[in-house]
Amino acid sequence: MGQIILVIHVLIAVVLVVLVLLQHGKGADAGAAFGSGASATVFGSRGSASFLTRMTAMLATGFFLTSLTLAMIAARQMGPGSVVDRVPDQPVPEESAPAAPQDDDAASEQAPPPPED
C-alpha cells in the first residue's frame, strides 16, 4: 500500500513541477504597465483561472494528501516511542594503551649490528 502511494506521490510531484514551469508568470507582463501594452495593473489583470491553474491546485492538494498519508503510514510502522530509544547500543571502542618505553638494553639487543668495513 505504501509503495503505491509513494509512486503516485512521485508522479504528482513530477507533473506538478512541469505544470508550474509551463505557466505564464504574473511578473512577465510587468513591462506592459509601463507603456508597452494595455494592462489593468502592474502585474497584469487577473482573469478567471485557466485550466493549468486549476490543474496545479488539484495536483498540489493531491501532493499534500499523499505526503500526509505517507507520514501516517511511516509513523504507524515505527510504533510509539522515542527515536533515541531505537538507536542500538554500540560498544565504545577502548583506547589502546601507549606502548611502554623500551630499555636501552632491550633496544640494543633488537637492533642489528653495525656493518663492518
PDB file of N, CA and C in Angstrom:
ATOM      1  N   MET A   1       0.817  -1.188   0.000  1.00  0.00           N
ATOM      2  CA  MET A   1       0.000   0.000   0.000  1.00  0.00           C
ATOM      3  C   MET A   1       0.866   1.259   0.000  1.00  0.00           C
ATOM      4  N   GLY A   2       1.880   1.271   0.856  1.00  0.00           N
ATOM      5  CA  GLY A   2       2.762   2.424   0.943  1.00  0.00           C
ATOM      6  C   GLY A   2       3.550   2.643  -0.337  1.00  0.00           C
ATOM      7  N   GLN A   3       3.920   1.552  -1.005  1.00  0.00           N
ATOM      8  CA  GLN A   3       4.687   1.668  -2.250  1.00  0.00           C
ATOM      9  C   GLN A   3       3.848   2.304  -3.356  1.00  0.00           C
ATOM     10  N   ILE A   4       2.580   1.941  -3.410  1.00  0.00           N
ATOM     11  CA  ILE A   4       1.696   2.509  -4.429  1.00  0.00           C
ATOM     12  C   ILE A   4       1.511   4.008  -4.195  1.00  0.00           C
ATOM     13  N   ILE A   5       1.311   4.386  -2.938  1.00  0.00           N
ATOM     14  CA  ILE A   5       1.146   5.804  -2.619  1.00  0.00           C
ATOM     15  C   ILE A   5       2.434   6.570  -2.904  1.00  0.00           C
ATOM     16  N   LEU A   6       3.562   5.950  -2.650  1.00  0.00           N
ATOM     17  CA  LEU A   6       4.837   6.596  -2.934  1.00  0.00           C
ATOM     18  C   LEU A   6       5.019   6.831  -4.431  1.00  0.00           C
ATOM     19  N   VAL A   7       4.648   5.869  -5.248  1.00  0.00           N
ATOM     20  CA  VAL A   7       4.752   6.033  -6.704  1.00  0.00           C
ATOM     21  C   VAL A   7       3.824   7.155  -7.168  1.00  0.00           C
ATOM     22  N   ILE A   8       2.598   7.175  -6.655  1.00  0.00           N
ATOM     23  CA  ILE A   8       1.655   8.241  -7.005  1.00  0.00           C
ATOM     24  C   ILE A   8       2.201   9.599  -6.556  1.00  0.00           C
ATOM     25  N   HIS A   9       2.796   9.632  -5.393  1.00  0.00           N
ATOM     26  CA  HIS A   9       3.373  10.866  -4.846  1.00  0.00           C
ATOM     27  C   HIS A   9       4.470  11.407  -5.768  1.00  0.00           C
ATOM     28  N   VAL A  10       5.354  10.546  -6.214  1.00  0.00           N
ATOM     29  CA  VAL A  10       6.450  10.973  -7.094  1.00  0.00           C
ATOM     30  C   VAL A  10       5.900  11.444  -8.439  1.00  0.00           C
ATOM     31  N   LEU A  11       4.922  10.720  -8.986  1.00  0.00           N
ATOM     32  CA  LEU A  11       4.329  11.134 -10.258  1.00  0.00           C
ATOM     33  C   LEU A  11       3.649  12.495 -10.142  1.00  0.00           C
ATOM     34  N   ILE A  12       2.918  12.713  -9.058  1.00  0.00           N
ATOM     35  CA  ILE A  12       2.276  14.013  -8.843  1.00  0.00           C
ATOM     36  C   ILE A  12       3.332  15.107  -8.749  1.00  0.00           C
ATOM     37  N   ALA A  13       4.417  14.830  -8.065  1.00  0.00           N
ATOM     38  CA  ALA A  13       5.472  15.837  -7.907  1.00  0.00           C
ATOM     39  C   ALA A  13       6.079  16.210  -9.262  1.00  0.00           C
ATOM     40  N   VAL A  14       6.331  15.223 -10.102  1.00  0.00           N
ATOM     41  CA  VAL A  14       6.926  15.496 -11.415  1.00  0.00           C
ATOM     42  C   VAL A  14       5.957  16.298 -12.279  1.00  0.00           C
ATOM     43  N   VAL A  15       4.686  15.893 -12.321  1.00  0.00           N
ATOM     44  CA  VAL A  15       3.695  16.609 -13.124  1.00  0.00           C
ATOM     45  C   VAL A  15       3.481  18.017 -12.584  1.00  0.00           C
ATOM     46  N   LEU A  16       3.523  18.178 -11.286  1.00  0.00           N
ATOM     47  CA  LEU A  16       3.355  19.494 -10.674  1.00  0.00           C
ATOM     48  C   LEU A  16       4.493  20.433 -11.075  1.00  0.00           C
ATOM     49  N   VAL A  17       5.694  19.935 -11.084  1.00  0.00           N
ATOM     50  CA  VAL A  17       6.840  20.753 -11.497  1.00  0.00           C
ATOM     51  C   VAL A  17       6.692  21.161 -12.959  1.00  0.00           C
ATOM     52  N   VAL A  18       6.290  20.232 -13.807  1.00  0.00           N
ATOM     53  CA  VAL A  18       6.123  20.543 -15.226  1.00  0.00           C
ATOM     54  C   VAL A  18       5.020  21.589 -15.420  1.00  0.00           C
ATOM     55  N   LEU A  19       3.909  21.449 -14.718  1.00  0.00           N
ATOM     56  CA  LEU A  19       2.816  22.411 -14.852  1.00  0.00           C
ATOM     57  C   LEU A  19       3.221  23.804 -14.387  1.00  0.00           C
ATOM     58  N   VAL A  20       3.962  23.880 -13.308  1.00  0.00           N
ATOM     59  CA  VAL A  20       4.395  25.189 -12.807  1.00  0.00           C
ATOM     60  C   VAL A  20       5.340  25.846 -13.811  1.00  0.00           C
ATOM     61  N   LEU A  21       6.209  25.051 -14.423  1.00  0.00           N
ATOM     62  CA  LEU A  21       7.140  25.620 -15.399  1.00  0.00           C
ATOM     63  C   LEU A  21       6.443  26.039 -16.693  1.00  0.00           C
ATOM     64  N   LEU A  22       5.331  25.414 -17.023  1.00  0.00           N
ATOM     65  CA  LEU A  22       4.603  25.754 -18.238  1.00  0.00           C
ATOM     66  C   LEU A  22       3.784  27.032 -18.103  1.00  0.00           C
ATOM     67  N   GLN A  23       3.442  27.404 -16.897  1.00  0.00           N
ATOM     68  CA  GLN A  23       2.540  28.538 -16.700  1.00  0.00           C
ATOM     69  C   GLN A  23       3.238  29.861 -16.953  1.00  0.00           C
ATOM     70  N   HIS A  24       2.443  30.820 -17.388  1.00  0.00           N
ATOM     71  CA  HIS A  24       2.910  32.167 -17.668  1.00  0.00           C
ATOM     72  C   HIS A  24       2.964  32.924 -16.344  1.00  0.00           C
ATOM     73  N   GLY A  25       4.112  33.465 -15.987  1.00  0.00           N
ATOM     74  CA  GLY A  25       4.258  34.165 -14.724  1.00  0.00           C
ATOM     75  C   GLY A  25       3.531  35.487 -14.690  1.00  0.00           C
ATOM     76  N   LYS A  26       3.128  35.905 -13.483  1.00  0.00           N
ATOM     77  CA  LYS A  26       2.447  37.195 -13.331  1.00  0.00           C
ATOM     78  C   LYS A  26       3.401  38.350 -13.601  1.00  0.00           C
ATOM     79  N   GLY A  27       4.641  38.211 -13.252  1.00  0.00           N
ATOM     80  CA  GLY A  27       5.614  39.273 -13.441  1.00  0.00           C
ATOM     81  C   GLY A  27       6.079  39.423 -14.873  1.00  0.00           C
ATOM     82  N   ALA A  28       5.711  38.501 -15.743  1.00  0.00           N
ATOM     83  CA  ALA A  28       6.158  38.566 -17.123  1.00  0.00           C
ATOM     84  C   ALA A  28       5.539  39.744 -17.855  1.00  0.00           C
ATOM     85  N   ASP A  29       4.382  40.222 -17.425  1.00  0.00           N
ATOM     86  CA  ASP A  29       3.722  41.350 -18.065  1.00  0.00           C
ATOM     87  C   ASP A  29       3.996  42.666 -17.358  1.00  0.00           C
ATOM     88  N   ALA A  30       5.001  42.716 -16.524  1.00  0.00           N
ATOM     89  CA  ALA A  30       5.284  43.940 -15.777  1.00  0.00           C
ATOM     90  C   ALA A  30       5.640  45.083 -16.711  1.00  0.00           C
ATOM     91  N   GLY A  31       6.261  44.797 -17.815  1.00  0.00           N
ATOM     92  CA  GLY A  31       6.612  45.836 -18.773  1.00  0.00           C
ATOM     93  C   GLY A  31       5.391  46.443 -19.435  1.00  0.00           C
ATOM     94  N   ALA A  32       4.295  45.703 -19.496  1.00  0.00           N
ATOM     95  CA  ALA A  32       3.078  46.215 -20.131  1.00  0.00           C
ATOM     96  C   ALA A  32       2.499  47.381 -19.349  1.00  0.00           C
ATOM     97  N   ALA A  33       2.716  47.449 -18.071  1.00  0.00           N
ATOM     98  CA  ALA A  33       2.171  48.525 -17.248  1.00  0.00           C
ATOM     99  C   ALA A  33       2.918  49.831 -17.464  1.00  0.00           C
ATOM    100  N   PHE A  34       4.114  49.763 -18.016  1.00  0.00           N
ATOM    101  CA  PHE A  34       4.928  50.968 -18.172  1.00  0.00           C
ATOM    102  C   PHE A  34       4.937  51.475 -19.605  1.00  0.00           C
ATOM    103  N   GLY A  35       3.888  51.182 -20.353  1.00  0.00           N
ATOM    104  CA  GLY A  35       3.747  51.815 -21.651  1.00  0.00           C
ATOM    105  C   GLY A  35       3.819  50.899 -22.846  1.00  0.00           C
ATOM    106  N   SER A  36       4.211  49.660 -22.670  1.00  0.00           N
ATOM    107  CA  SER A  36       4.342  48.801 -23.843  1.00  0.00           C
ATOM    108  C   SER A  36       3.089  47.987 -24.130  1.00  0.00           C
ATOM    109  N   GLY A  37       2.064  48.131 -23.334  1.00  0.00           N
ATOM    110  CA  GLY A  37       0.836  47.388 -23.591  1.00  0.00           C
ATOM    111  C   GLY A  37      -0.298  47.932 -22.748  1.00  0.00           C
ATOM    112  N   ALA A  38      -1.468  47.404 -22.950  1.00  0.00           N
ATOM    113  CA  ALA A  38      -2.626  47.844 -22.177  1.00  0.00           C
ATOM    114  C   ALA A  38      -2.895  46.826 -21.091  1.00  0.00           C
ATOM    115  N   SER A  39      -2.608  47.207 -19.860  1.00  0.00           N
ATOM    116  CA  SER A  39      -2.786  46.294 -18.745  1.00  0.00           C
ATOM    117  C   SER A  39      -3.503  47.027 -17.629  1.00  0.00           C
ATOM    118  N   ALA A  40      -4.318  46.318 -16.889  1.00  0.00           N
ATOM    119  CA  ALA A  40      -5.095  46.955 -15.830  1.00  0.00           C
ATOM    120  C   ALA A  40      -4.251  47.234 -14.592  1.00  0.00           C
ATOM    121  N   THR A  41      -3.277  46.397 -14.297  1.00  0.00           N
ATOM    122  CA  THR A  41      -2.430  46.584 -13.123  1.00  0.00           C
ATOM    123  C   THR A  41      -0.979  46.401 -13.516  1.00  0.00           C
ATOM    124  N   VAL A  42      -0.096  46.554 -12.534  1.00  0.00           N
ATOM    125  CA  VAL A  42       1.333  46.417 -12.808  1.00  0.00           C
ATOM    126  C   VAL A  42       1.671  45.005 -13.251  1.00  0.00           C
ATOM    127  N   PHE A  43       1.089  44.010 -12.607  1.00  0.00           N
ATOM    128  CA  PHE A  43       1.422  42.625 -12.917  1.00  0.00           C
ATOM    129  C   PHE A  43       0.383  41.957 -13.806  1.00  0.00           C
ATOM    130  N   GLY A  44      -0.396  42.698 -14.513  1.00  0.00           N
ATOM    131  CA  GLY A  44      -1.377  42.132 -15.417  1.00  0.00           C
ATOM    132  C   GLY A  44      -2.718  41.973 -14.739  1.00  0.00           C
ATOM    133  N   SER A  45      -3.744  41.963 -15.545  1.00  0.00           N
ATOM    134  CA  SER A  45      -5.070  41.810 -14.972  1.00  0.00           C
ATOM    135  C   SER A  45      -5.298  40.365 -14.567  1.00  0.00           C
ATOM    136  N   ARG A  46      -6.094  40.200 -13.547  1.00  0.00           N
ATOM    137  CA  ARG A  46      -6.379  38.861 -13.028  1.00  0.00           C
ATOM    138  C   ARG A  46      -7.679  38.374 -13.656  1.00  0.00           C
ATOM    139  N   GLY A  47      -7.581  37.430 -14.536  1.00  0.00           N
ATOM    140  CA  GLY A  47      -8.762  36.866 -15.168  1.00  0.00           C
ATOM    141  C   GLY A  47      -9.202  35.622 -14.434  1.00  0.00           C
ATOM    142  N   SER A  48     -10.088  34.886 -15.051  1.00  0.00           N
ATOM    143  CA  SER A  48     -10.527  33.639 -14.444  1.00  0.00           C
ATOM    144  C   SER A  48      -9.391  32.626 -14.503  1.00  0.00           C
ATOM    145  N   ALA A  49      -9.424  31.690 -13.589  1.00  0.00           N
ATOM    146  CA  ALA A  49      -8.358  30.696 -13.506  1.00  0.00           C
ATOM    147  C   ALA A  49      -8.373  29.821 -14.759  1.00  0.00           C
ATOM    148  N   SER A  50      -7.211  29.616 -15.316  1.00  0.00           N
ATOM    149  CA  SER A  50      -7.106  28.796 -16.515  1.00  0.00           C
ATOM    150  C   SER A  50      -7.074  27.312 -16.137  1.00  0.00           C
ATOM    151  N   PHE A  51      -7.064  26.491 -17.158  1.00  0.00           N
ATOM    152  CA  PHE A  51      -7.001  25.050 -16.937  1.00  0.00           C
ATOM    153  C   PHE A  51      -5.726  24.667 -16.181  1.00  0.00           C
ATOM    154  N   LEU A  52      -4.598  25.287 -16.554  1.00  0.00           N
ATOM    155  CA  LEU A  52      -3.327  24.964 -15.899  1.00  0.00           C
ATOM    156  C   LEU A  52      -3.347  25.361 -14.426  1.00  0.00           C
ATOM    157  N   THR A  53      -3.971  26.491 -14.122  1.00  0.00           N
ATOM    158  CA  THR A  53      -4.043  26.937 -12.724  1.00  0.00           C
ATOM    159  C   THR A  53      -4.891  25.981 -11.901  1.00  0.00           C
ATOM    160  N   ARG A  54      -6.018  25.564 -12.438  1.00  0.00           N
ATOM    161  CA  ARG A  54      -6.884  24.631 -11.713  1.00  0.00           C
ATOM    162  C   ARG A  54      -6.203  23.275 -11.557  1.00  0.00           C
ATOM    163  N   MET A  55      -5.540  22.835 -12.601  1.00  0.00           N
ATOM    164  CA  MET A  55      -4.831  21.549 -12.531  1.00  0.00           C
ATOM    165  C   MET A  55      -3.710  21.606 -11.489  1.00  0.00           C
ATOM    166  N   THR A  56      -3.000  22.729 -11.433  1.00  0.00           N
ATOM    167  CA  THR A  56      -1.935  22.897 -10.449  1.00  0.00           C
ATOM    168  C   THR A  56      -2.493  22.840  -9.029  1.00  0.00           C
ATOM    169  N   ALA A  57      -3.624  23.493  -8.813  1.00  0.00           N
ATOM    170  CA  ALA A  57      -4.237  23.488  -7.479  1.00  0.00           C
ATOM    171  C   ALA A  57      -4.673  22.080  -7.088  1.00  0.00           C
ATOM    172  N   MET A  58      -5.247  21.340  -8.025  1.00  0.00           N
ATOM    173  CA  MET A  58      -5.674  19.968  -7.715  1.00  0.00           C
ATOM    174  C   MET A  58      -4.466  19.055  -7.444  1.00  0.00           C
ATOM    175  N   LEU A  59      -3.417  19.209  -8.240  1.00  0.00           N
ATOM    176  CA  LEU A  59      -2.219  18.381  -8.020  1.00  0.00           C
ATOM    177  C   LEU A  59      -1.516  18.757  -6.716  1.00  0.00           C
ATOM    178  N   ALA A  60      -1.518  20.039  -6.367  1.00  0.00           N
ATOM    179  CA  ALA A  60      -0.913  20.452  -5.098  1.00  0.00           C
ATOM    180  C   ALA A  60      -1.678  19.851  -3.927  1.00  0.00           C
ATOM    181  N   THR A  61      -3.000  19.824  -4.032  1.00  0.00           N
ATOM    182  CA  THR A  61      -3.813  19.193  -2.989  1.00  0.00           C
ATOM    183  C   THR A  61      -3.506  17.698  -2.895  1.00  0.00           C
ATOM    184  N   GLY A  62      -3.401  17.050  -4.044  1.00  0.00           N
ATOM    185  CA  GLY A  62      -3.053  15.628  -4.053  1.00  0.00           C
ATOM    186  C   GLY A  62      -1.670  15.376  -3.480  1.00  0.00           C
ATOM    187  N   PHE A  63      -0.732  16.276  -3.753  1.00  0.00           N
ATOM    188  CA  PHE A  63       0.628  16.141  -3.224  1.00  0.00           C
ATOM    189  C   PHE A  63       0.625  16.225  -1.698  1.00  0.00           C
ATOM    190  N   PHE A  64      -0.119  17.186  -1.153  1.00  0.00           N
ATOM    191  CA  PHE A  64      -0.196  17.319   0.297  1.00  0.00           C
ATOM    192  C   PHE A  64      -0.882  16.109   0.926  1.00  0.00           C
ATOM    193  N   LEU A  65      -1.930  15.623   0.298  1.00  0.00           N
ATOM    194  CA  LEU A  65      -2.633  14.456   0.845  1.00  0.00           C
ATOM    195  C   LEU A  65      -1.753  13.209   0.832  1.00  0.00           C
ATOM    196  N   THR A  66      -1.031  12.992  -0.255  1.00  0.00           N
ATOM    197  CA  THR A  66      -0.137  11.820  -0.293  1.00  0.00           C
ATOM    198  C   THR A  66       1.018  11.983   0.686  1.00  0.00           C
ATOM    199  N   SER A  67       1.478  13.216   0.885  1.00  0.00           N
ATOM    200  CA  SER A  67       2.538  13.458   1.883  1.00  0.00           C
ATOM    201  C   SER A  67       2.059  13.088   3.277  1.00  0.00           C
ATOM    202  N   LEU A  68       0.858  13.549   3.627  1.00  0.00           N
ATOM    203  CA  LEU A  68       0.313  13.222   4.944  1.00  0.00           C
ATOM    204  C   LEU A  68       0.063  11.729   5.092  1.00  0.00           C
ATOM    205  N   THR A  69      -0.435  11.088   4.042  1.00  0.00           N
ATOM    206  CA  THR A  69      -0.680   9.647   4.098  1.00  0.00           C
ATOM    207  C   THR A  69       0.618   8.874   4.297  1.00  0.00           C
ATOM    208  N   LEU A  70       1.657   9.254   3.564  1.00  0.00           N
ATOM    209  CA  LEU A  70       2.953   8.578   3.727  1.00  0.00           C
ATOM    210  C   LEU A  70       3.524   8.802   5.125  1.00  0.00           C
ATOM    211  N   ALA A  71       3.326   9.981   5.676  1.00  0.00           N
ATOM    212  CA  ALA A  71       3.806  10.252   7.035  1.00  0.00           C
ATOM    213  C   ALA A  71       3.057   9.398   8.048  1.00  0.00           C
ATOM    214  N   MET A  72       1.751   9.252   7.871  1.00  0.00           N
ATOM    215  CA  MET A  72       0.974   8.432   8.806  1.00  0.00           C
ATOM    216  C   MET A  72       1.356   6.952   8.692  1.00  0.00           C
ATOM    217  N   ILE A  73       1.591   6.478   7.475  1.00  0.00           N
ATOM    218  CA  ILE A  73       1.998   5.082   7.292  1.00  0.00           C
ATOM    219  C   ILE A  73       3.351   4.839   7.953  1.00  0.00           C
ATOM    220  N   ALA A  74       4.282   5.763   7.780  1.00  0.00           N
ATOM    221  CA  ALA A  74       5.606   5.617   8.386  1.00  0.00           C
ATOM    222  C   ALA A  74       5.521   5.641   9.902  1.00  0.00           C
ATOM    223  N   ALA A  75       4.677   6.514  10.442  1.00  0.00           N
ATOM    224  CA  ALA A  75       4.529   6.589  11.897  1.00  0.00           C
ATOM    225  C   ALA A  75       3.891   5.323  12.446  1.00  0.00           C
ATOM    226  N   ARG A  76       2.951   4.761  11.734  1.00  0.00           N
ATOM    227  CA  ARG A  76       2.287   3.539  12.186  1.00  0.00           C
ATOM    228  C   ARG A  76       3.255   2.349  12.154  1.00  0.00           C
ATOM    229  N   GLN A  77       4.136   2.309  11.166  1.00  0.00           N
ATOM    230  CA  GLN A  77       5.102   1.212  11.082  1.00  0.00           C
ATOM    231  C   GLN A  77       6.156   1.302  12.175  1.00  0.00           C
ATOM    232  N   MET A  78       6.520   2.519  12.558  1.00  0.00           N
ATOM    233  CA  MET A  78       7.555   2.687  13.583  1.00  0.00           C
ATOM    234  C   MET A  78       7.016   2.391  14.977  1.00  0.00           C
ATOM    235  N   GLY A  79       5.761   2.660  15.209  1.00  0.00           N
ATOM    236  CA  GLY A  79       5.180   2.419  16.520  1.00  0.00           C
ATOM    237  C   GLY A  79       5.510   3.529  17.492  1.00  0.00           C
ATOM    238  N   PRO A  80       4.949   3.455  18.701  1.00  0.00           N
ATOM    239  CA  PRO A  80       5.198   4.508  19.680  1.00  0.00           C
ATOM    240  C   PRO A  80       6.611   4.413  20.252  1.00  0.00           C
ATOM    241  N   GLY A  81       7.077   5.505  20.747  1.00  0.00           N
ATOM    242  CA  GLY A  81       8.389   5.522  21.385  1.00  0.00           C
ATOM    243  C   GLY A  81       9.234   6.661  20.862  1.00  0.00           C
ATOM    244  N   SER A  82      10.394   6.753  21.430  1.00  0.00           N
ATOM    245  CA  SER A  82      11.312   7.819  21.077  1.00  0.00           C
ATOM    246  C   SER A  82      12.320   7.335  20.047  1.00  0.00           C
ATOM    247  N   VAL A  83      12.801   8.252  19.253  1.00  0.00           N
ATOM    248  CA  VAL A  83      13.832   7.913  18.272  1.00  0.00           C
ATOM    249  C   VAL A  83      15.124   7.517  18.990  1.00  0.00           C
ATOM    250  N   VAL A  84      15.386   8.141  20.113  1.00  0.00           N
ATOM    251  CA  VAL A  84      16.606   7.852  20.861  1.00  0.00           C
ATOM    252  C   VAL A  84      16.589   6.415  21.384  1.00  0.00           C
ATOM    253  N   ASP A  85      15.413   5.910  21.727  1.00  0.00           N
ATOM    254  CA  ASP A  85      15.309   4.544  22.225  1.00  0.00           C
ATOM    255  C   ASP A  85      15.610   3.511  21.149  1.00  0.00           C
ATOM    256  N   ARG A  86      15.478   3.883  19.888  1.00  0.00           N
ATOM    257  CA  ARG A  86      15.679   2.934  18.791  1.00  0.00           C
ATOM    258  C   ARG A  86      17.129   2.805  18.368  1.00  0.00           C
ATOM    259  N   VAL A  87      18.003   3.678  18.854  1.00  0.00           N
ATOM    260  CA  VAL A  87      19.414   3.617  18.486  1.00  0.00           C
ATOM    261  C   VAL A  87      20.030   2.410  19.172  1.00  0.00           C
ATOM    262  N   PRO A  88      20.608   1.496  18.398  1.00  0.00           N
ATOM    263  CA  PRO A  88      21.200   0.321  19.037  1.00  0.00           C
ATOM    264  C   PRO A  88      22.421   0.708  19.864  1.00  0.00           C
ATOM    265  N   ASP A  89      22.568   0.019  20.991  1.00  0.00           N
ATOM    266  CA  ASP A  89      23.727   0.284  21.839  1.00  0.00           C
ATOM    267  C   ASP A  89      24.969  -0.277  21.172  1.00  0.00           C
ATOM    268  N   GLN A  90      25.901   0.593  20.906  1.00  0.00           N
ATOM    269  CA  GLN A  90      27.152   0.171  20.290  1.00  0.00           C
ATOM    270  C   GLN A  90      28.251   0.290  21.327  1.00  0.00           C
ATOM    271  N   PRO A  91      29.103  -0.724  21.387  1.00  0.00           N
ATOM    272  CA  PRO A  91      30.182  -0.654  22.377  1.00  0.00           C
ATOM    273  C   PRO A  91      31.131   0.501  22.065  1.00  0.00           C
ATOM    274  N   VAL A  92      31.566   1.164  23.115  1.00  0.00           N
ATOM    275  CA  VAL A  92      32.510   2.255  22.964  1.00  0.00           C
ATOM    276  C   VAL A  92      33.891   1.649  22.770  1.00  0.00           C
ATOM    277  N   PRO A  93      34.597   2.021  21.701  1.00  0.00           N
ATOM    278  CA  PRO A  93      35.924   1.438  21.480  1.00  0.00           C
ATOM    279  C   PRO A  93      36.883   1.882  22.583  1.00  0.00           C
ATOM    280  N   GLU A  94      37.594   0.906  23.099  1.00  0.00           N
ATOM    281  CA  GLU A  94      38.560   1.212  24.155  1.00  0.00           C
ATOM    282  C   GLU A  94      39.820   1.775  23.522  1.00  0.00           C
ATOM    283  N   GLU A  95      40.350   2.787  24.164  1.00  0.00           N
ATOM    284  CA  GLU A  95      41.586   3.367  23.654  1.00  0.00           C
ATOM    285  C   GLU A  95      42.740   2.445  24.054  1.00  0.00           C
ATOM    286  N   SER A  96      43.584   2.170  23.092  1.00  0.00           N
ATOM    287  CA  SER A  96      44.715   1.289  23.387  1.00  0.00           C
ATOM    288  C   SER A  96      45.754   2.067  24.191  1.00  0.00           C
ATOM    289  N   ALA A  97      46.371   1.372  25.111  1.00  0.00           N
ATOM    290  CA  ALA A  97      47.392   1.991  25.949  1.00  0.00           C
ATOM    291  C   ALA A  97      48.627   2.258  25.104  1.00  0.00           C
ATOM    292  N   PRO A  98      49.326   3.351  25.368  1.00  0.00           N
ATOM    293  CA  PRO A  98      50.545   3.624  24.587  1.00  0.00           C
ATOM    294  C   PRO A  98      51.599   2.557  24.878  1.00  0.00           C
ATOM    295  N   ALA A  99      52.413   2.316  23.893  1.00  0.00           N
ATOM    296  CA  ALA A  99      53.460   1.297  24.035  1.00  0.00           C
ATOM    297  C   ALA A  99      54.433   1.720  25.132  1.00  0.00           C
ATOM    298  N   ALA A 100      54.828   0.744  25.930  1.00  0.00           N
ATOM    299  CA  ALA A 100      55.760   1.020  27.022  1.00  0.00           C
ATOM    300  C   ALA A 100      57.132   1.369  26.437  1.00  0.00           C
ATOM    301  N   PRO A 101      57.806   2.336  27.061  1.00  0.00           N
ATOM    302  CA  PRO A 101      59.139   2.686  26.533  1.00  0.00           C
ATOM    303  C   PRO A 101      60.098   1.512  26.719  1.00  0.00           C
ATOM    304  N   GLN A 102      60.929   1.332  25.727  1.00  0.00           N
ATOM    305  CA  GLN A 102      61.873   0.217  25.775  1.00  0.00           C
ATOM    306  C   GLN A 102      63.147   0.651  26.484  1.00  0.00           C
ATOM    307  N   ASP A 103      63.735  -0.315  27.167  1.00  0.00           N
ATOM    308  CA  ASP A 103      65.013  -0.046  27.828  1.00  0.00           C
ATOM    309  C   ASP A 103      66.104   0.036  26.775  1.00  0.00           C
ATOM    310  N   ASP A 104      67.191   0.692  27.138  1.00  0.00           N
ATOM    311  CA  ASP A 104      68.310   0.796  26.210  1.00  0.00           C
ATOM    312  C   ASP A 104      68.908  -0.575  25.929  1.00  0.00           C
ATOM    313  N   ASP A 105      68.927  -1.447  26.933  1.00  0.00           N
ATOM    314  CA  ASP A 105      69.487  -2.789  26.737  1.00  0.00           C
ATOM    315  C   ASP A 105      68.619  -3.588  25.773  1.00  0.00           C
ATOM    316  N   ALA A 106      67.295  -3.488  25.905  1.00  0.00           N
ATOM    317  CA  ALA A 106      66.389  -4.236  25.034  1.00  0.00           C
ATOM    318  C   ALA A 106      66.462  -3.690  23.619  1.00  0.00           C
ATOM    319  N   ALA A 107      66.635  -2.388  23.475  1.00  0.00           N
ATOM    320  CA  ALA A 107      66.714  -1.784  22.151  1.00  0.00           C
ATOM    321  C   ALA A 107      68.008  -2.190  21.469  1.00  0.00           C
ATOM    322  N   SER A 108      69.090  -2.300  22.230  1.00  0.00           N
ATOM    323  CA  SER A 108      70.369  -2.686  21.612  1.00  0.00           C
ATOM    324  C   SER A 108      70.369  -4.154  21.232  1.00  0.00           C
ATOM    325  N   GLU A 109      69.612  -4.979  21.958  1.00  0.00           N
ATOM    326  CA  GLU A 109      69.550  -6.394  21.608  1.00  0.00           C
ATOM    327  C   GLU A 109      68.771  -6.592  20.314  1.00  0.00           C
ATOM    328  N   GLN A 110      67.759  -5.779  20.075  1.00  0.00           N
ATOM    329  CA  GLN A 110      66.936  -5.927  18.878  1.00  0.00           C
ATOM    330  C   GLN A 110      67.551  -5.254  17.660  1.00  0.00           C
ATOM    331  N   ALA A 111      68.392  -4.273  17.882  1.00  0.00           N
ATOM    332  CA  ALA A 111      68.981  -3.547  16.752  1.00  0.00           C
ATOM    333  C   ALA A 111      70.031  -4.421  16.069  1.00  0.00           C
ATOM    334  N   PRO A 112      70.089  -4.386  14.752  1.00  0.00           N
ATOM    335  CA  PRO A 112      71.113  -5.190  14.055  1.00  0.00           C
ATOM    336  C   PRO A 112      72.500  -4.597  14.317  1.00  0.00           C
ATOM    337  N   PRO A 113      73.464  -5.424  14.254  1.00  0.00           N
ATOM    338  CA  PRO A 113      74.835  -4.914  14.483  1.00  0.00           C
ATOM    339  C   PRO A 113      75.252  -3.984  13.355  1.00  0.00           C
ATOM    340  N   PRO A 114      76.088  -3.001  13.684  1.00  0.00           N
ATOM    341  CA  PRO A 114      76.533  -2.079  12.626  1.00  0.00           C
ATOM    342  C   PRO A 114      77.391  -2.836  11.595  1.00  0.00           C
ATOM    343  N   PRO A 115      77.310  -2.442  10.348  1.00  0.00           N
ATOM    344  CA  PRO A 115      78.098  -3.136   9.298  1.00  0.00           C
ATOM    345  C   PRO A 115      79.590  -2.880   9.481  1.00  0.00           C
ATOM    346  N   GLU A 116      80.372  -3.878   9.215  1.00  0.00           N
ATOM    347  CA  GLU A 116      81.829  -3.753   9.357  1.00  0.00           C
ATOM    348  C   GLU A 116      82.428  -3.417   8.001  1.00  0.00           C
ATOM    349  N   ASP A 117      83.349  -2.463   8.014  1.00  0.00           N
ATOM    350  CA  ASP A 117      84.014  -2.087   6.770  1.00  0.00           C
ATOM    351  C   ASP A 117      85.374  -2.680   6.663  1.00  0.00           C
TER     352      ASP A 117
END
